[in-house]
């Protein structure tokens, strides 16, 4: 099992989401099985209007939106308290 780890601390929400899309594609292209995106905010349990937890919920929305479906398997991906693990589709070219 090959897992890539990316840390999104320090990014604004929009940049974190675009960075995540780029990294998910790169991980898929390079034959990884999963990518884990660390966002922090482990104790944020509800969607905040602003402040802490924005990236956490934006990543969940990104996965639910289907925008990553070409590379990710939504069914086998899961959110953790301070990160999200995205299961990647098998890259048949690798």
PDB file of N, CA and C in Angstrom:
ATOM      1  N   UNK A   1       0.851  -1.178   0.000  1.00  0.00           N
ATOM      2  CA  UNK A   1       0.000   0.000   0.000  1.00  0.00           C
ATOM      3  C   UNK A   1       0.891   1.234   0.000  1.00  0.00           C
ATOM      4  N   UNK A   2       0.733   2.058  -0.998  1.00  0.00           N
ATOM      5  CA  UNK A   2       1.506   3.300  -1.084  1.00  0.00           C
ATOM      6  C   UNK A   2       0.583   4.467  -0.779  1.00  0.00           C
ATOM      7  N   UNK A   3       0.929   5.240   0.267  1.00  0.00           N
ATOM      8  CA  UNK A   3       0.121   6.396   0.647  1.00  0.00           C
ATOM      9  C   UNK A   3       0.999   7.636   0.631  1.00  0.00           C
ATOM     10  N   UNK A   4       0.474   8.658   0.008  1.00  0.00           N
ATOM     11  CA  UNK A   4       1.142   9.960  -0.015  1.00  0.00           C
ATOM     12  C   UNK A   4       0.497  10.827   1.058  1.00  0.00           C
ATOM     13  N   UNK A   5       1.297  11.635   1.738  1.00  0.00           N
ATOM     14  CA  UNK A   5       0.806  12.502   2.798  1.00  0.00           C
ATOM     15  C   UNK A   5       1.085  13.952   2.424  1.00  0.00           C
ATOM     16  N   UNK A   6       0.063  14.781   2.521  1.00  0.00           N
ATOM     17  CA  UNK A   6       0.198  16.218   2.231  1.00  0.00           C
ATOM     18  C   UNK A   6      -0.374  17.019   3.388  1.00  0.00           C
ATOM     19  N   UNK A   7       0.323  18.051   3.803  1.00  0.00           N
ATOM     20  CA  UNK A   7      -0.084  18.909   4.916  1.00  0.00           C
ATOM     21  C   UNK A   7      -0.646  20.215   4.360  1.00  0.00           C
ATOM     22  N   UNK A   8      -1.881  20.524   4.727  1.00  0.00           N
ATOM     23  CA  UNK A   8      -2.546  21.731   4.225  1.00  0.00           C
ATOM     24  C   UNK A   8      -2.553  22.874   5.237  1.00  0.00           C
ATOM     25  N   UNK A   9      -1.852  22.714   6.352  1.00  0.00           N
ATOM     26  CA  UNK A   9      -1.779  23.793   7.344  1.00  0.00           C
ATOM     27  C   UNK A   9      -1.127  25.025   6.716  1.00  0.00           C
ATOM     28  N   UNK A  10      -1.665  26.170   7.032  1.00  0.00           N
ATOM     29  CA  UNK A  10      -1.081  27.414   6.554  1.00  0.00           C
ATOM     30  C   UNK A  10      -1.669  27.916   5.241  1.00  0.00           C
ATOM     31  N   UNK A  11      -2.493  27.108   4.591  1.00  0.00           N
ATOM     32  CA  UNK A  11      -3.135  27.538   3.350  1.00  0.00           C
ATOM     33  C   UNK A  11      -4.469  28.212   3.653  1.00  0.00           C
ATOM     34  N   UNK A  12      -4.878  29.158   2.811  1.00  0.00           N
ATOM     35  CA  UNK A  12      -6.251  29.622   2.899  1.00  0.00           C
ATOM     36  C   UNK A  12      -7.123  28.534   2.257  1.00  0.00           C
ATOM     37  N   UNK A  13      -8.414  28.590   2.455  1.00  0.00           N
ATOM     38  CA  UNK A  13      -9.303  27.509   2.033  1.00  0.00           C
ATOM     39  C   UNK A  13      -9.258  27.274   0.529  1.00  0.00           C
ATOM     40  N   UNK A  14      -9.355  28.308  -0.260  1.00  0.00           N
ATOM     41  CA  UNK A  14      -9.362  28.149  -1.719  1.00  0.00           C
ATOM     42  C   UNK A  14      -8.057  27.517  -2.214  1.00  0.00           C
ATOM     43  N   UNK A  15      -6.944  28.011  -1.719  1.00  0.00           N
ATOM     44  CA  UNK A  15      -5.642  27.473  -2.116  1.00  0.00           C
ATOM     45  C   UNK A  15      -5.505  26.020  -1.675  1.00  0.00           C
ATOM     46  N   UNK A  16      -5.980  25.696  -0.471  1.00  0.00           N
ATOM     47  CA  UNK A  16      -5.905  24.321   0.029  1.00  0.00           C
ATOM     48  C   UNK A  16      -6.680  23.366  -0.866  1.00  0.00           C
ATOM     49  N   UNK A  17      -7.856  23.780  -1.313  1.00  0.00           N
ATOM     50  CA  UNK A  17      -8.668  22.917  -2.182  1.00  0.00           C
ATOM     51  C   UNK A  17      -7.984  22.722  -3.529  1.00  0.00           C
ATOM     52  N   UNK A  18      -7.490  23.781  -4.126  1.00  0.00           N
ATOM     53  CA  UNK A  18      -6.801  23.651  -5.419  1.00  0.00           C
ATOM     54  C   UNK A  18      -5.523  22.822  -5.281  1.00  0.00           C
ATOM     55  N   UNK A  19      -4.801  23.017  -4.195  1.00  0.00           N
ATOM     56  CA  UNK A  19      -3.606  22.225  -3.923  1.00  0.00           C
ATOM     57  C   UNK A  19      -3.986  20.746  -3.779  1.00  0.00           C
ATOM     58  N   UNK A  20      -5.076  20.479  -3.077  1.00  0.00           N
ATOM     59  CA  UNK A  20      -5.542  19.108  -2.885  1.00  0.00           C
ATOM     60  C   UNK A  20      -5.886  18.459  -4.226  1.00  0.00           C
ATOM     61  N   UNK A  21      -6.584  19.180  -5.088  1.00  0.00           N
ATOM     62  CA  UNK A  21      -6.928  18.636  -6.411  1.00  0.00           C
ATOM     63  C   UNK A  21      -5.659  18.276  -7.178  1.00  0.00           C
ATOM     64  N   UNK A  22      -4.696  19.175  -7.179  1.00  0.00           N
ATOM     65  CA  UNK A  22      -3.432  18.925  -7.877  1.00  0.00           C
ATOM     66  C   UNK A  22      -2.717  17.716  -7.302  1.00  0.00           C
ATOM     67  N   UNK A  23      -2.645  17.633  -5.972  1.00  0.00           N
ATOM     68  CA  UNK A  23      -1.928  16.527  -5.338  1.00  0.00           C
ATOM     69  C   UNK A  23      -2.648  15.188  -5.522  1.00  0.00           C
ATOM     70  N   UNK A  24      -3.976  15.199  -5.515  1.00  0.00           N
ATOM     71  CA  UNK A  24      -4.722  13.951  -5.766  1.00  0.00           C
ATOM     72  C   UNK A  24      -4.421  13.455  -7.178  1.00  0.00           C
ATOM     73  N   UNK A  25      -4.446  14.353  -8.152  1.00  0.00           N
ATOM     74  CA  UNK A  25      -4.124  13.961  -9.526  1.00  0.00           C
ATOM     75  C   UNK A  25      -2.700  13.419  -9.626  1.00  0.00           C
ATOM     76  N   UNK A  26      -1.752  14.112  -9.022  1.00  0.00           N
ATOM     77  CA  UNK A  26      -0.355  13.668  -9.081  1.00  0.00           C
ATOM     78  C   UNK A  26      -0.172  12.303  -8.419  1.00  0.00           C
ATOM     79  N   UNK A  27      -0.837  12.099  -7.288  1.00  0.00           N
ATOM     80  CA  UNK A  27      -0.733  10.805  -6.602  1.00  0.00           C
ATOM     81  C   UNK A  27      -1.324   9.694  -7.473  1.00  0.00           C
ATOM     82  N   UNK A  28      -2.460   9.970  -8.086  1.00  0.00           N
ATOM     83  CA  UNK A  28      -3.070   8.997  -9.005  1.00  0.00           C
ATOM     84  C   UNK A  28      -2.116   8.709 -10.163  1.00  0.00           C
ATOM     85  N   UNK A  29      -1.609   9.756 -10.779  1.00  0.00           N
ATOM     86  CA  UNK A  29      -0.726   9.619 -11.942  1.00  0.00           C
ATOM     87  C   UNK A  29       0.526   8.823 -11.612  1.00  0.00           C
ATOM     88  N   UNK A  30       1.003   8.942 -10.369  1.00  0.00           N
ATOM     89  CA  UNK A  30       2.221   8.255  -9.960  1.00  0.00           C
ATOM     90  C   UNK A  30       1.975   6.896  -9.313  1.00  0.00           C
ATOM     91  N   UNK A  31       0.750   6.412  -9.362  1.00  0.00           N
ATOM     92  CA  UNK A  31       0.449   5.054  -8.933  1.00  0.00           C
ATOM     93  C   UNK A  31       0.255   4.838  -7.442  1.00  0.00           C
ATOM     94  N   UNK A  32      -0.008   5.898  -6.684  1.00  0.00           N
ATOM     95  CA  UNK A  32      -0.278   5.723  -5.252  1.00  0.00           C
ATOM     96  C   UNK A  32      -1.646   5.081  -5.059  1.00  0.00           C
ATOM     97  N   UNK A  33      -1.816   4.416  -3.916  1.00  0.00           N
ATOM     98  CA  UNK A  33      -3.100   3.799  -3.570  1.00  0.00           C
ATOM     99  C   UNK A  33      -4.010   4.782  -2.838  1.00  0.00           C
ATOM    100  N   UNK A  34      -3.398   5.645  -2.043  1.00  0.00           N
ATOM    101  CA  UNK A  34      -4.144   6.611  -1.239  1.00  0.00           C
ATOM    102  C   UNK A  34      -3.335   7.889  -1.102  1.00  0.00           C
ATOM    103  N   UNK A  35      -4.061   8.946  -0.777  1.00  0.00           N
ATOM    104  CA  UNK A  35      -3.416  10.189  -0.383  1.00  0.00           C
ATOM    105  C   UNK A  35      -4.136  10.676   0.867  1.00  0.00           C
ATOM    106  N   UNK A  36      -3.355  11.083   1.859  1.00  0.00           N
ATOM    107  CA  UNK A  36      -3.932  11.620   3.081  1.00  0.00           C
ATOM    108  C   UNK A  36      -3.652  13.117   3.121  1.00  0.00           C
ATOM    109  N   UNK A  37      -4.714  13.888   3.280  1.00  0.00           N
ATOM    110  CA  UNK A  37      -4.630  15.346   3.309  1.00  0.00           C
ATOM    111  C   UNK A  37      -4.849  15.803   4.750  1.00  0.00           C
ATOM    112  N   UNK A  38      -3.792  16.305   5.388  1.00  0.00           N
ATOM    113  CA  UNK A  38      -3.892  16.768   6.775  1.00  0.00           C
ATOM    114  C   UNK A  38      -4.395  18.199   6.795  1.00  0.00           C
ATOM    115  N   UNK A  39      -5.497  18.401   7.516  1.00  0.00           N
ATOM    116  CA  UNK A  39      -6.093  19.739   7.588  1.00  0.00           C
ATOM    117  C   UNK A  39      -6.168  20.275   9.004  1.00  0.00           C
ATOM    118  N   UNK A  40      -6.006  19.437  10.007  1.00  0.00           N
ATOM    119  CA  UNK A  40      -6.133  19.885  11.393  1.00  0.00           C
ATOM    120  C   UNK A  40      -7.587  20.011  11.799  1.00  0.00           C
ATOM    121  N   UNK A  41      -7.874  20.831  12.789  1.00  0.00           N
ATOM    122  CA  UNK A  41      -9.232  21.087  13.278  1.00  0.00           C
ATOM    123  C   UNK A  41      -9.922  19.808  13.744  1.00  0.00           C
ATOM    124  N   UNK A  42      -9.191  18.964  14.463  1.00  0.00           N
ATOM    125  CA  UNK A  42      -9.731  17.682  14.921  1.00  0.00           C
ATOM    126  C   UNK A  42     -10.954  17.851  15.808  1.00  0.00           C
ATOM    127  N   UNK A  43     -11.001  18.919  16.597  1.00  0.00           N
ATOM    128  CA  UNK A  43     -12.112  19.099  17.528  1.00  0.00           C
ATOM    129  C   UNK A  43     -13.286  19.890  16.938  1.00  0.00           C
ATOM    130  N   UNK A  44     -13.209  20.275  15.672  1.00  0.00           N
ATOM    131  CA  UNK A  44     -14.322  20.987  15.030  1.00  0.00           C
ATOM    132  C   UNK A  44     -15.300  19.934  14.513  1.00  0.00           C
ATOM    133  N   UNK A  45     -16.474  19.870  15.135  1.00  0.00           N
ATOM    134  CA  UNK A  45     -17.456  18.825  14.823  1.00  0.00           C
ATOM    135  C   UNK A  45     -18.590  19.302  13.916  1.00  0.00           C
ATOM    136  N   UNK A  46     -18.775  20.599  13.852  1.00  0.00           N
ATOM    137  CA  UNK A  46     -19.840  21.164  13.023  1.00  0.00           C
ATOM    138  C   UNK A  46     -19.241  22.162  12.054  1.00  0.00           C
ATOM    139  N   UNK A  47     -19.926  22.341  10.941  1.00  0.00           N
ATOM    140  CA  UNK A  47     -19.458  23.268   9.908  1.00  0.00           C
ATOM    141  C   UNK A  47     -19.476  24.694  10.454  1.00  0.00           C
ATOM    142  N   UNK A  48     -18.299  25.317  10.553  1.00  0.00           N
ATOM    143  CA  UNK A  48     -18.243  26.685  11.064  1.00  0.00           C
ATOM    144  C   UNK A  48     -18.583  27.703   9.968  1.00  0.00           C
ATOM    145  N   UNK A  49     -19.100  28.838  10.393  1.00  0.00           N
ATOM    146  CA  UNK A  49     -19.378  29.909   9.445  1.00  0.00           C
ATOM    147  C   UNK A  49     -18.080  30.551   8.982  1.00  0.00           C
ATOM    148  N   UNK A  50     -17.109  30.601   9.866  1.00  0.00           N
ATOM    149  CA  UNK A  50     -15.788  31.144   9.542  1.00  0.00           C
ATOM    150  C   UNK A  50     -14.783  30.630  10.552  1.00  0.00           C
ATOM    151  N   UNK A  51     -13.511  30.849  10.272  1.00  0.00           N
ATOM    152  CA  UNK A  51     -12.465  30.449  11.207  1.00  0.00           C
ATOM    153  C   UNK A  51     -12.023  29.012  11.048  1.00  0.00           C
ATOM    154  N   UNK A  52     -11.638  28.389  12.166  1.00  0.00           N
ATOM    155  CA  UNK A  52     -11.102  27.022  12.162  1.00  0.00           C
ATOM    156  C   UNK A  52     -12.084  26.026  11.553  1.00  0.00           C
ATOM    157  N   UNK A  53     -11.552  25.093  10.822  1.00  0.00           N
ATOM    158  CA  UNK A  53     -12.370  24.017  10.261  1.00  0.00           C
ATOM    159  C   UNK A  53     -12.816  24.234   8.828  1.00  0.00           C
ATOM    160  N   UNK A  54     -12.529  25.376   8.266  1.00  0.00           N
ATOM    161  CA  UNK A  54     -12.973  25.669   6.896  1.00  0.00           C
ATOM    162  C   UNK A  54     -12.391  24.678   5.879  1.00  0.00           C
ATOM    163  N   UNK A  55     -11.110  24.367   6.003  1.00  0.00           N
ATOM    164  CA  UNK A  55     -10.477  23.445   5.054  1.00  0.00           C
ATOM    165  C   UNK A  55     -11.058  22.044   5.226  1.00  0.00           C
ATOM    166  N   UNK A  56     -11.272  21.629   6.454  1.00  0.00           N
ATOM    167  CA  UNK A  56     -11.845  20.313   6.736  1.00  0.00           C
ATOM    168  C   UNK A  56     -13.149  20.117   5.968  1.00  0.00           C
ATOM    169  N   UNK A  57     -14.038  21.080   6.080  1.00  0.00           N
ATOM    170  CA  UNK A  57     -15.342  20.946   5.440  1.00  0.00           C
ATOM    171  C   UNK A  57     -15.251  21.167   3.935  1.00  0.00           C
ATOM    172  N   UNK A  58     -14.340  22.010   3.491  1.00  0.00           N
ATOM    173  CA  UNK A  58     -14.154  22.214   2.042  1.00  0.00           C
ATOM    174  C   UNK A  58     -13.653  20.925   1.379  1.00  0.00           C
ATOM    175  N   UNK A  59     -12.775  20.183   2.048  1.00  0.00           N
ATOM    176  CA  UNK A  59     -12.299  18.913   1.495  1.00  0.00           C
ATOM    177  C   UNK A  59     -13.416  17.887   1.423  1.00  0.00           C
ATOM    178  N   UNK A  60     -14.264  17.851   2.432  1.00  0.00           N
ATOM    179  CA  UNK A  60     -15.403  16.929   2.397  1.00  0.00           C
ATOM    180  C   UNK A  60     -16.345  17.298   1.248  1.00  0.00           C
ATOM    181  N   UNK A  61     -16.583  18.590   1.069  1.00  0.00           N
ATOM    182  CA  UNK A  61     -17.416  19.037  -0.049  1.00  0.00           C
ATOM    183  C   UNK A  61     -16.782  18.678  -1.390  1.00  0.00           C
ATOM    184  N   UNK A  62     -15.465  18.838  -1.479  1.00  0.00           N
ATOM    185  CA  UNK A  62     -14.744  18.513  -2.709  1.00  0.00           C
ATOM    186  C   UNK A  62     -14.936  17.045  -3.063  1.00  0.00           C
ATOM    187  N   UNK A  63     -14.774  16.162  -2.108  1.00  0.00           N
ATOM    188  CA  UNK A  63     -14.943  14.737  -2.362  1.00  0.00           C
ATOM    189  C   UNK A  63     -16.388  14.425  -2.753  1.00  0.00           C
ATOM    190  N   UNK A  64     -17.349  15.005  -2.029  1.00  0.00           N
ATOM    191  CA  UNK A  64     -18.767  14.760  -2.312  1.00  0.00           C
ATOM    192  C   UNK A  64     -19.214  15.340  -3.652  1.00  0.00           C
ATOM    193  N   UNK A  65     -18.512  16.361  -4.131  1.00  0.00           N
ATOM    194  CA  UNK A  65     -18.916  17.033  -5.373  1.00  0.00           C
ATOM    195  C   UNK A  65     -18.694  16.183  -6.620  1.00  0.00           C
ATOM    196  N   UNK A  66     -17.833  15.186  -6.516  1.00  0.00           N
ATOM    197  CA  UNK A  66     -17.512  14.372  -7.686  1.00  0.00           C
ATOM    198  C   UNK A  66     -16.365  14.915  -8.515  1.00  0.00           C
ATOM    199  N   UNK A  67     -15.817  16.030  -8.108  1.00  0.00           N
ATOM    200  CA  UNK A  67     -14.726  16.658  -8.867  1.00  0.00           C
ATOM    201  C   UNK A  67     -13.474  15.780  -8.947  1.00  0.00           C
ATOM    202  N   UNK A  68     -13.327  14.881  -7.982  1.00  0.00           N
ATOM    203  CA  UNK A  68     -12.152  14.001  -7.955  1.00  0.00           C
ATOM    204  C   UNK A  68     -12.444  12.605  -8.511  1.00  0.00           C
ATOM    205  N   UNK A  69     -13.642  12.383  -8.992  1.00  0.00           N
ATOM    206  CA  UNK A  69     -14.067  11.036  -9.378  1.00  0.00           C
ATOM    207  C   UNK A  69     -13.219  10.380 -10.464  1.00  0.00           C
ATOM    208  N   UNK A  70     -12.551  11.150 -11.288  1.00  0.00           N
ATOM    209  CA  UNK A  70     -11.693  10.557 -12.314  1.00  0.00           C
ATOM    210  C   UNK A  70     -10.502   9.829 -11.693  1.00  0.00           C
ATOM    211  N   UNK A  71     -10.097  10.256 -10.497  1.00  0.00           N
ATOM    212  CA  UNK A  71      -8.901   9.707  -9.855  1.00  0.00           C
ATOM    213  C   UNK A  71      -9.188   9.024  -8.535  1.00  0.00           C
ATOM    214  N   UNK A  72     -10.283   9.392  -7.871  1.00  0.00           N
ATOM    215  CA  UNK A  72     -10.562   8.921  -6.512  1.00  0.00           C
ATOM    216  C   UNK A  72     -11.778   8.008  -6.471  1.00  0.00           C
ATOM    217  N   UNK A  73     -11.758   7.134  -5.501  1.00  0.00           N
ATOM    218  CA  UNK A  73     -12.877   6.248  -5.250  1.00  0.00           C
ATOM    219  C   UNK A  73     -13.572   6.751  -3.986  1.00  0.00           C
ATOM    220  N   UNK A  74     -14.686   7.444  -4.163  1.00  0.00           N
ATOM    221  CA  UNK A  74     -15.387   8.047  -3.025  1.00  0.00           C
ATOM    222  C   UNK A  74     -15.802   7.028  -1.978  1.00  0.00           C
ATOM    223  N   UNK A  75     -16.266   5.888  -2.427  1.00  0.00           N
ATOM    224  CA  UNK A  75     -16.782   4.862  -1.522  1.00  0.00           C
ATOM    225  C   UNK A  75     -15.712   4.382  -0.531  1.00  0.00           C
ATOM    226  N   UNK A  76     -14.462   4.319  -0.972  1.00  0.00           N
ATOM    227  CA  UNK A  76     -13.385   3.818  -0.129  1.00  0.00           C
ATOM    228  C   UNK A  76     -12.568   4.918   0.544  1.00  0.00           C
ATOM    229  N   UNK A  77     -12.993   6.161   0.399  1.00  0.00           N
ATOM    230  CA  UNK A  77     -12.330   7.297   1.037  1.00  0.00           C
ATOM    231  C   UNK A  77     -13.040   7.603   2.348  1.00  0.00           C
ATOM    232  N   UNK A  78     -12.315   8.213   3.277  1.00  0.00           N
ATOM    233  CA  UNK A  78     -12.961   8.497   4.547  1.00  0.00           C
ATOM    234  C   UNK A  78     -12.330   9.708   5.232  1.00  0.00           C
ATOM    235  N   UNK A  79     -13.177  10.472   5.941  1.00  0.00           N
ATOM    236  CA  UNK A  79     -12.648  11.581   6.741  1.00  0.00           C
ATOM    237  C   UNK A  79     -12.180  11.065   8.091  1.00  0.00           C
ATOM    238  N   UNK A  80     -11.087  11.632   8.578  1.00  0.00           N
ATOM    239  CA  UNK A  80     -10.605  11.372   9.928  1.00  0.00           C
ATOM    240  C   UNK A  80     -10.758  12.681  10.701  1.00  0.00           C
ATOM    241  N   UNK A  81     -10.416  12.679  11.965  1.00  0.00           N
ATOM    242  CA  UNK A  81     -10.604  13.884  12.762  1.00  0.00           C
ATOM    243  C   UNK A  81      -9.776  15.060  12.275  1.00  0.00           C
ATOM    244  N   UNK A  82      -8.530  14.807  11.883  1.00  0.00           N
ATOM    245  CA  UNK A  82      -7.676  15.928  11.478  1.00  0.00           C
ATOM    246  C   UNK A  82      -7.116  15.758  10.069  1.00  0.00           C
ATOM    247  N   UNK A  83      -7.689  14.838   9.315  1.00  0.00           N
ATOM    248  CA  UNK A  83      -7.238  14.629   7.939  1.00  0.00           C
ATOM    249  C   UNK A  83      -8.335  13.914   7.143  1.00  0.00           C
ATOM    250  N   UNK A  84      -8.074  13.754   5.863  1.00  0.00           N
ATOM    251  CA  UNK A  84      -8.969  12.987   5.005  1.00  0.00           C
ATOM    252  C   UNK A  84      -8.108  12.047   4.183  1.00  0.00           C
ATOM    253  N   UNK A  85      -8.508  10.779   4.134  1.00  0.00           N
ATOM    254  CA  UNK A  85      -7.814   9.795   3.319  1.00  0.00           C
ATOM    255  C   UNK A  85      -8.639   9.567   2.061  1.00  0.00           C
ATOM    256  N   UNK A  86      -8.012   9.782   0.929  1.00  0.00           N
ATOM    257  CA  UNK A  86      -8.691   9.602  -0.349  1.00  0.00           C
ATOM    258  C   UNK A  86      -8.099   8.375  -1.030  1.00  0.00           C
ATOM    259  N   UNK A  87      -8.946   7.373  -1.214  1.00  0.00           N
ATOM    260  CA  UNK A  87      -8.552   6.156  -1.924  1.00  0.00           C
ATOM    261  C   UNK A  87      -8.524   6.467  -3.420  1.00  0.00           C
ATOM    262  N   UNK A  88      -7.451   6.101  -4.052  1.00  0.00           N
ATOM    263  CA  UNK A  88      -7.284   6.415  -5.468  1.00  0.00           C
ATOM    264  C   UNK A  88      -7.637   5.223  -6.348  1.00  0.00           C
ATOM    265  N   UNK A  89      -8.165   5.540  -7.500  1.00  0.00           N
ATOM    266  CA  UNK A  89      -8.439   4.488  -8.479  1.00  0.00           C
ATOM    267  C   UNK A  89      -7.115   3.909  -8.953  1.00  0.00           C
ATOM    268  N   UNK A  90      -7.164   2.736  -9.428  1.00  0.00           N
ATOM    269  CA  UNK A  90      -5.955   2.106  -9.964  1.00  0.00           C
ATOM    270  C   UNK A  90      -5.617   2.760 -11.294  1.00  0.00           C
ATOM    271  N   UNK A  91      -4.385   3.187 -11.419  1.00  0.00           N
ATOM    272  CA  UNK A  91      -3.923   3.809 -12.656  1.00  0.00           C
ATOM    273  C   UNK A  91      -3.404   2.694 -13.560  1.00  0.00           C
ATOM    274  N   UNK A  92      -4.149   2.391 -14.585  1.00  0.00           N
ATOM    275  CA  UNK A  92      -3.794   1.273 -15.475  1.00  0.00           C
ATOM    276  C   UNK A  92      -2.557   1.550 -16.311  1.00  0.00           C
ATOM    277  N   UNK A  93      -2.134   2.793 -16.372  1.00  0.00           N
ATOM    278  CA  UNK A  93      -0.933   3.144 -17.129  1.00  0.00           C
ATOM    279  C   UNK A  93       0.346   2.945 -16.316  1.00  0.00           C
ATOM    280  N   UNK A  94       0.218   2.730 -15.032  1.00  0.00           N
ATOM    281  CA  UNK A  94       1.376   2.564 -14.151  1.00  0.00           C
ATOM    282  C   UNK A  94       1.772   1.125 -14.050  1.00  0.00           C
TER     283      UNK A  94
END
